[in-house]
């Protein structure tokens, strides 16, 4: 593990609070940063968490300074450097006006959550990692707002594996991983579909609802779900031996050979 893979969060409180940081604002910043690096961690390790971050340093003197140190989970690869490199690419795109359409919408939303409070509940927020400095400003928040603006909505369906779900505090969000297109799609669902969503975790599903597309995007990034259809596990699907003999009278008085021959004659 390299020391330069540490991530430092610096928060300065409002002038009217004499630079001290309010508890709610502090907790919000930590939660958003944790969500951001957790997503990057999963991306670096095939969708599974490989890293925990320990608080290596904590300074309360204004501004608040929290230094996070990555550590690989037992028997898993160290991906701390990959996380920091990914964060650097996102930061570079935000600072240089690059196209953000290819970035994960949930990741951008967490970064927006870090920048939105600036000037409202905190005075300044900064991230330091390796040789890079990212100031989370209202300008950054505006760029993310534009990138996440919904350009088109339509009713439709998507198909894929339902592998993550968040029910905490009424979030009611799960993620579908399609076989083609985007790596994952965020799906919000009403409480009426709670049981359907929970029972479908780990299964292939078809999700119906309103699909949301970002500007210029080929695939949706979000779905407001109205119906969830879960496919049975492969272990429950019939094989050829199960199908054999299910319809013994399907050919009527004809033998199987004569029935097939008659069908072929009908093609001409």
Protein backbone atom coordinates (compact mmCIF):
# COMPACT_ATOMS: atom_id res chain seq x y z
CA UNK A 1 0.00 0.00 0.00
CA UNK A 2 1.34 3.43 -0.94
CA UNK A 3 1.01 6.38 1.40
CA UNK A 4 0.04 8.62 -1.53
CA UNK A 5 -3.13 6.59 -2.01
CA UNK A 6 -4.60 8.32 1.02
CA UNK A 7 -7.58 10.61 0.49
CA UNK A 8 -7.86 13.79 2.52
CA UNK A 9 -11.14 15.62 3.07
CA UNK A 10 -10.91 19.23 4.22
CA UNK A 11 -14.04 21.07 5.36
CA UNK A 12 -14.23 24.69 6.44
CA UNK A 13 -17.25 25.92 8.40
CA UNK A 14 -19.23 29.07 7.72
CA UNK A 15 -17.91 32.47 8.86
CA UNK A 16 -20.95 32.93 11.11
CA UNK A 17 -19.96 29.69 12.86
CA UNK A 18 -16.39 30.99 13.28
CA UNK A 19 -15.20 28.33 10.85
CA UNK A 20 -16.50 25.48 12.97
CA UNK A 21 -18.26 22.71 11.04
CA UNK A 22 -21.81 21.74 11.95
CA UNK A 23 -22.38 18.10 12.83
CA UNK A 24 -24.99 17.51 10.10
CA UNK A 25 -22.76 19.04 7.44
CA UNK A 26 -19.78 16.98 8.63
CA UNK A 27 -21.75 13.74 8.54
CA UNK A 28 -23.16 14.53 5.10
CA UNK A 29 -19.70 15.12 3.66
CA UNK A 30 -18.34 11.87 5.08
CA UNK A 31 -21.32 9.87 3.81
CA UNK A 32 -21.05 11.30 0.29
CA UNK A 33 -17.30 10.70 0.17
CA UNK A 34 -17.75 7.15 1.44
CA UNK A 35 -20.39 6.50 -1.23
CA UNK A 36 -18.07 7.88 -3.91
CA UNK A 37 -15.02 5.81 -3.04
CA UNK A 38 -17.14 2.70 -2.43
CA UNK A 39 -18.49 2.92 -5.99
CA UNK A 40 -14.96 3.35 -7.37
CA UNK A 41 -13.81 0.42 -5.23
CA UNK A 42 -16.50 -1.87 -6.68
CA UNK A 43 -15.66 -0.75 -10.22
CA UNK A 44 -12.02 -1.68 -9.60
CA UNK A 45 -12.91 -5.16 -8.31
CA UNK A 46 -15.58 -6.53 -10.66
CA UNK A 47 -18.52 -5.11 -8.72
CA UNK A 48 -17.46 -6.32 -5.26
CA UNK A 49 -16.05 -4.32 -2.37
CA UNK A 50 -12.34 -4.96 -1.83
CA UNK A 51 -11.32 -2.04 0.35
CA UNK A 52 -12.01 -0.49 3.73
CA UNK A 53 -10.83 3.01 4.62
CA UNK A 54 -9.40 3.70 8.04
CA UNK A 55 -9.18 7.17 9.56
CA UNK A 56 -5.42 7.71 9.62
CA UNK A 57 -5.58 11.34 10.82
CA UNK A 58 -8.32 13.57 12.21
CA UNK A 59 -7.90 17.25 12.98
CA UNK A 60 -10.74 19.32 14.40
CA UNK A 61 -8.95 22.68 14.34
CA UNK A 62 -10.68 24.76 11.69
CA UNK A 63 -10.76 23.63 8.96
CA UNK A 64 -11.63 20.02 9.78
CA UNK A 65 -9.19 17.60 8.15
CA UNK A 66 -9.85 13.85 7.77
CA UNK A 67 -7.21 11.57 6.21
CA UNK A 68 -8.48 8.19 4.94
CA UNK A 69 -6.12 5.29 4.36
CA UNK A 70 -7.14 2.37 2.09
CA UNK A 71 -6.68 -1.20 3.26
CA UNK A 72 -7.52 -4.34 1.31
CA UNK A 73 -10.06 -6.71 2.81
CA UNK A 74 -8.68 -10.16 3.72
CA UNK A 75 -7.84 -12.34 0.68
CA UNK A 76 -8.78 -9.57 -1.75
CA UNK A 77 -6.50 -7.54 -4.03
CA UNK A 78 -5.32 -4.06 -3.12
CA UNK A 79 -7.12 -1.61 -5.40
CA UNK A 80 -6.53 1.60 -3.44
CA UNK A 81 -4.35 3.03 -6.18
CA UNK A 82 -6.96 2.22 -8.84
CA UNK A 83 -9.59 4.02 -6.74
CA UNK A 84 -7.44 7.15 -6.52
CA UNK A 85 -6.64 7.03 -10.24
CA UNK A 86 -10.35 6.80 -11.06
CA UNK A 87 -11.08 9.71 -8.75
CA UNK A 88 -8.38 11.64 -10.57
CA UNK A 89 -9.98 10.97 -13.96
CA UNK A 90 -13.38 12.12 -12.68
CA UNK A 91 -11.81 15.24 -11.18
CA UNK A 92 -9.96 16.02 -14.41
CA UNK A 93 -13.19 15.73 -16.39
CA UNK A 94 -15.01 18.06 -13.97
CA UNK A 95 -12.27 20.68 -13.94
CA UNK A 96 -11.63 20.72 -17.69
CA UNK A 97 -15.17 20.68 -19.02
CA UNK A 98 -14.90 17.19 -20.53
CA UNK A 99 -17.94 15.19 -21.59
CA UNK A 100 -19.43 13.61 -18.45
CA UNK A 101 -22.00 11.42 -20.19
CA UNK A 102 -19.80 8.34 -19.87
CA UNK A 103 -19.46 8.64 -16.09
CA UNK A 104 -21.67 6.71 -13.70
CA UNK A 105 -24.74 8.80 -12.82
CA UNK A 106 -24.77 7.68 -9.17
CA UNK A 107 -21.09 8.55 -8.81
CA UNK A 108 -21.71 12.03 -10.21
CA UNK A 109 -24.67 12.45 -7.89
CA UNK A 110 -22.46 11.70 -4.85
CA UNK A 111 -19.87 14.21 -6.01
CA UNK A 112 -22.65 16.75 -6.48
CA UNK A 113 -23.66 15.98 -2.89
CA UNK A 114 -20.17 17.00 -1.77
CA UNK A 115 -20.31 20.29 -3.69
CA UNK A 116 -23.92 21.39 -3.14
CA UNK A 117 -23.53 22.43 0.54
CA UNK A 118 -20.67 24.83 -0.25
CA UNK A 119 -21.78 28.36 0.55
CA UNK A 120 -24.83 27.05 2.40
CA UNK A 121 -23.89 24.81 5.31
CA UNK A 122 -20.11 24.86 4.79
CA UNK A 123 -17.73 27.49 3.44
CA UNK A 124 -15.33 25.25 1.50
CA UNK A 125 -14.77 21.57 0.77
CA UNK A 126 -11.56 20.17 -0.75
CA UNK A 127 -10.31 16.70 -1.65
CA UNK A 128 -6.58 15.92 -1.75
CA UNK A 129 -5.25 12.68 -3.23
CA UNK A 130 -1.80 11.91 -4.59
CA UNK A 131 -0.67 15.14 -6.27
CA UNK A 132 -4.17 16.36 -7.04
CA UNK A 133 -6.45 18.91 -5.40
CA UNK A 134 -10.18 19.10 -6.16
CA UNK A 135 -12.11 22.05 -4.79
CA UNK A 136 -15.80 21.15 -4.57
CA UNK A 137 -17.42 24.40 -5.65
CA UNK A 138 -20.88 25.53 -6.75
CA UNK A 139 -19.44 25.56 -10.30
CA UNK A 140 -18.67 21.84 -10.01
CA UNK A 141 -22.21 21.23 -8.74
CA UNK A 142 -23.63 23.13 -11.73
CA UNK A 143 -21.60 21.03 -14.16
CA UNK A 144 -22.95 17.85 -12.60
CA UNK A 145 -26.48 19.26 -12.68
CA UNK A 146 -26.14 19.77 -16.42
CA UNK A 147 -24.65 16.30 -16.94
CA UNK A 148 -27.45 14.60 -15.00
CA UNK A 149 -30.28 16.59 -16.55
CA UNK A 150 -32.89 14.22 -18.00
CA UNK A 151 -33.18 14.83 -21.73
CA UNK A 152 -35.79 12.21 -22.56
CA UNK A 153 -38.32 9.99 -20.81
CA UNK A 154 -40.31 7.08 -22.20
CA UNK A 155 -42.18 4.03 -20.99
CA UNK A 156 -40.30 0.79 -21.56
CA UNK A 157 -38.50 -2.16 -20.04
CA UNK A 158 -34.98 -3.29 -19.26
CA UNK A 159 -33.62 -6.76 -18.57
CA UNK A 160 -30.68 -7.86 -16.46
CA UNK A 161 -29.46 -9.16 -13.10
CA UNK A 162 -30.79 -7.47 -9.94
CA UNK A 163 -27.72 -7.59 -7.70
CA UNK A 164 -27.89 -4.63 -5.31
CA UNK A 165 -30.71 -3.10 -3.28
CA UNK A 166 -30.89 -0.22 -0.81
CA UNK A 167 -33.89 -0.04 1.51
CA UNK A 168 -32.29 2.17 4.18
CA UNK A 169 -34.47 5.02 5.37
CA UNK A 170 -36.97 4.50 2.54
CA UNK A 171 -34.41 4.82 -0.28
CA UNK A 172 -36.11 1.99 -2.26
CA UNK A 173 -33.45 1.70 -4.96
CA UNK A 174 -31.98 -1.35 -6.65
CA UNK A 175 -29.53 -1.79 -9.51
CA UNK A 176 -29.99 -3.88 -12.62
CA UNK A 177 -26.90 -5.07 -14.51
CA UNK A 178 -27.82 -5.59 -18.20
CA UNK A 179 -25.95 -7.97 -20.48
CA UNK A 180 -25.47 -5.18 -23.02
CA UNK A 181 -25.35 -1.39 -22.76
CA UNK A 182 -24.52 0.36 -19.49
CA UNK A 183 -22.76 -1.47 -16.66
CA UNK A 184 -25.73 -0.86 -14.36
CA UNK A 185 -29.01 1.05 -14.20
CA UNK A 186 -30.46 2.63 -11.06
CA UNK A 187 -34.09 1.70 -10.42
CA UNK A 188 -36.36 3.43 -7.91
CA UNK A 189 -39.52 1.64 -6.87
CA UNK A 190 -42.64 2.37 -4.77
CA UNK A 191 -43.28 0.70 -1.42
CA UNK A 192 -46.00 -1.42 -3.05
CA UNK A 193 -43.23 -3.32 -4.90
CA UNK A 194 -41.10 -3.87 -1.80
CA UNK A 195 -41.69 -7.64 -1.60
CA UNK A 196 -41.21 -8.11 -5.35
CA UNK A 197 -37.91 -6.22 -5.27
CA UNK A 198 -36.51 -8.05 -2.24
CA UNK A 199 -37.44 -11.50 -3.57
CA UNK A 200 -35.80 -10.73 -6.93
CA UNK A 201 -32.33 -9.93 -5.55
CA UNK A 202 -29.76 -12.14 -7.25
CA UNK A 203 -32.11 -13.09 -10.09
CA UNK A 204 -32.55 -12.09 -13.70
CA UNK A 205 -35.44 -9.65 -14.04
CA UNK A 206 -37.38 -7.57 -16.51
CA UNK A 207 -38.24 -4.18 -15.08
CA UNK A 208 -41.04 -2.01 -16.50
CA UNK A 209 -41.52 1.70 -15.95
CA UNK A 210 -40.43 5.17 -17.06
CA UNK A 211 -36.91 5.15 -18.53
CA UNK A 212 -34.79 8.29 -18.03
CA UNK A 213 -32.09 9.21 -20.56
CA UNK A 214 -29.33 11.77 -20.08
CA UNK A 215 -28.60 14.17 -22.93
CA UNK A 216 -27.09 12.29 -25.87
CA UNK A 217 -27.23 8.91 -24.11
CA UNK A 218 -28.08 5.72 -26.00
CA UNK A 219 -29.20 3.83 -22.92
CA UNK A 220 -31.22 4.90 -19.85
CA UNK A 221 -29.43 5.57 -16.58
CA UNK A 222 -32.48 5.39 -14.34
CA UNK A 223 -35.92 3.78 -14.21
CA UNK A 224 -38.99 4.68 -12.19
CA UNK A 225 -40.30 1.16 -11.75
CA UNK A 226 -43.97 0.19 -12.01
CA UNK A 227 -43.56 -3.60 -12.38
CA UNK A 228 -40.90 -6.23 -11.67
CA UNK A 229 -40.94 -9.64 -13.35
CA UNK A 230 -38.35 -12.07 -11.97
CA UNK A 231 -37.30 -15.03 -14.10
CA UNK A 232 -36.93 -18.41 -12.38
CA UNK A 233 -33.38 -19.53 -11.53
CA UNK A 234 -31.72 -21.76 -14.13
CA UNK A 235 -31.84 -24.65 -11.66
CA UNK A 236 -35.65 -24.50 -11.77
CA UNK A 237 -35.97 -24.44 -15.56
CA UNK A 238 -36.99 -27.71 -17.26
CA UNK A 239 -34.44 -29.67 -19.30
CA UNK A 240 -35.11 -31.92 -22.31
CA UNK A 241 -35.91 -34.92 -20.12
CA UNK A 242 -38.58 -32.87 -18.33
CA UNK A 243 -40.14 -31.77 -21.62
CA UNK A 244 -40.24 -35.26 -23.14
CA UNK A 245 -43.75 -36.71 -23.13
CA UNK A 246 -45.48 -33.52 -21.94
CA UNK A 247 -47.86 -33.46 -24.95
CA UNK A 248 -48.31 -37.08 -26.14
CA UNK A 249 -51.27 -36.23 -28.42
CA UNK A 250 -49.68 -33.19 -30.08
CA UNK A 251 -49.37 -34.95 -33.47
CA UNK A 252 -52.86 -36.44 -33.45
CA UNK A 253 -53.04 -39.74 -35.34
CA UNK A 254 -49.80 -39.04 -37.25
CA UNK A 255 -46.42 -40.40 -36.24
CA UNK A 256 -43.81 -37.85 -35.26
CA UNK A 257 -42.01 -38.40 -38.58
CA UNK A 258 -45.18 -37.91 -40.63
CA UNK A 259 -46.10 -34.83 -38.61
CA UNK A 260 -42.71 -33.20 -39.25
CA UNK A 261 -42.85 -34.18 -42.94
CA UNK A 262 -46.24 -32.52 -43.27
CA UNK A 263 -44.98 -29.37 -41.62
CA UNK A 264 -42.02 -29.23 -44.02
CA UNK A 265 -44.30 -29.67 -47.02
CA UNK A 266 -46.26 -26.67 -45.85
CA UNK A 267 -43.19 -24.44 -46.26
CA UNK A 268 -43.23 -24.75 -50.02
